[in-house]
């Protein structure tokens, strides 16, 4: 069984480590108990949306980026490909103002 809380915890830990921050630093900045954040990272506790938002802010990472990563990991575990493409087809973007759409 796939546990969403486990994936959320793994993603939070990965972002924290990528930023080179300790659990104590993030917990303090997010105003979350160190032990509680540790349990969230280990997938033992469900974090509320308020806690997730505080931790994301403490990591200087938009919550949408964190949740996108969680969604991508869940899709891999479920054996499906991402439903939403990472980029728009070039012919779709052709009808829009060049300032609004950046071409790769």
Protein backbone atom coordinates (compact mmCIF):
# COMPACT_ATOMS: atom_id res chain seq x y z
CA UNK A 1 0.00 0.00 0.00
CA UNK A 2 1.28 3.46 -0.90
CA UNK A 3 1.32 5.89 2.01
CA UNK A 4 1.08 9.52 0.97
CA UNK A 5 2.46 10.64 4.32
CA UNK A 6 5.61 8.59 3.65
CA UNK A 7 6.16 10.28 0.28
CA UNK A 8 5.53 13.72 1.79
CA UNK A 9 8.07 12.99 4.50
CA UNK A 10 10.64 11.74 2.00
CA UNK A 11 10.20 14.83 -0.17
CA UNK A 12 10.49 17.19 2.80
CA UNK A 13 13.66 15.43 3.92
CA UNK A 14 15.13 15.53 0.41
CA UNK A 15 14.45 19.26 0.06
CA UNK A 16 15.88 19.93 3.53
CA UNK A 17 19.06 18.02 2.74
CA UNK A 18 19.38 19.71 -0.67
CA UNK A 19 19.24 23.06 1.12
CA UNK A 20 21.90 21.88 3.58
CA UNK A 21 19.72 22.50 6.60
CA UNK A 22 19.39 20.49 9.78
CA UNK A 23 16.12 19.21 11.12
CA UNK A 24 16.58 21.56 14.09
CA UNK A 25 17.01 24.61 11.82
CA UNK A 26 13.90 23.87 9.79
CA UNK A 27 11.79 23.01 12.82
CA UNK A 28 12.82 26.24 14.54
CA UNK A 29 12.16 28.43 11.49
CA UNK A 30 8.80 26.72 10.87
CA UNK A 31 7.82 26.92 14.57
CA UNK A 32 7.27 23.17 14.65
CA UNK A 33 8.45 20.81 17.40
CA UNK A 34 11.65 19.05 16.39
CA UNK A 35 10.29 15.61 17.31
CA UNK A 36 7.08 16.21 15.37
CA UNK A 37 8.93 17.28 12.22
CA UNK A 38 11.15 14.22 12.56
CA UNK A 39 8.05 12.00 12.70
CA UNK A 40 6.59 13.75 9.65
CA UNK A 41 9.81 13.19 7.70
CA UNK A 42 9.79 9.52 8.66
CA UNK A 43 6.17 9.16 7.54
CA UNK A 44 4.92 8.42 11.03
CA UNK A 45 2.70 11.49 11.37
CA UNK A 46 0.27 13.23 9.01
CA UNK A 47 1.12 16.91 8.68
CA UNK A 48 -1.68 19.46 8.38
CA UNK A 49 -1.71 21.86 5.46
CA UNK A 50 -0.67 24.63 7.86
CA UNK A 51 2.37 22.64 9.02
CA UNK A 52 3.31 21.80 5.43
CA UNK A 53 3.05 25.47 4.48
CA UNK A 54 5.26 26.49 7.43
CA UNK A 55 7.88 23.87 6.59
CA UNK A 56 7.83 24.84 2.90
CA UNK A 57 8.37 28.47 3.87
CA UNK A 58 11.20 27.45 6.19
CA UNK A 59 12.77 25.63 3.26
CA UNK A 60 12.30 28.67 0.97
CA UNK A 61 10.41 26.39 -1.40
CA UNK A 62 6.89 26.95 -2.72
CA UNK A 63 4.44 24.37 -1.41
CA UNK A 64 3.36 23.76 -5.00
CA UNK A 65 6.89 22.57 -5.83
CA UNK A 66 6.87 20.20 -2.86
CA UNK A 67 3.44 18.81 -3.71
CA UNK A 68 4.37 18.45 -7.39
CA UNK A 69 7.34 16.31 -6.38
CA UNK A 70 5.10 14.23 -4.11
CA UNK A 71 2.64 13.75 -6.98
CA UNK A 72 5.40 12.76 -9.39
CA UNK A 73 6.74 10.19 -6.94
CA UNK A 74 3.28 8.76 -6.33
CA UNK A 75 2.74 8.44 -10.08
CA UNK A 76 5.96 6.43 -10.38
CA UNK A 77 4.90 4.17 -7.51
CA UNK A 78 1.51 3.67 -9.14
CA UNK A 79 3.17 2.86 -12.43
CA UNK A 80 1.61 5.70 -14.36
CA UNK A 81 3.17 8.52 -16.28
CA UNK A 82 2.49 12.12 -15.43
CA UNK A 83 -0.87 13.21 -16.82
CA UNK A 84 0.20 16.83 -17.10
CA UNK A 85 3.07 17.46 -19.54
CA UNK A 86 6.07 19.48 -18.36
CA UNK A 87 5.85 21.67 -21.47
CA UNK A 88 3.23 22.77 -23.94
CA UNK A 89 3.44 21.64 -27.56
CA UNK A 90 5.09 24.31 -29.70
CA UNK A 91 2.05 24.71 -31.95
CA UNK A 92 -0.14 25.41 -28.90
CA UNK A 93 2.09 28.24 -27.69
CA UNK A 94 2.29 29.82 -31.18
CA UNK A 95 -1.07 31.56 -30.73
CA UNK A 96 -0.02 33.46 -27.61
CA UNK A 97 1.87 36.69 -27.06
CA UNK A 98 5.61 36.05 -27.08
CA UNK A 99 6.04 37.80 -23.74
CA UNK A 100 3.70 35.38 -22.02
CA UNK A 101 5.24 32.20 -23.40
CA UNK A 102 8.93 31.40 -23.36
CA UNK A 103 10.04 29.01 -26.08
CA UNK A 104 12.78 26.51 -25.31
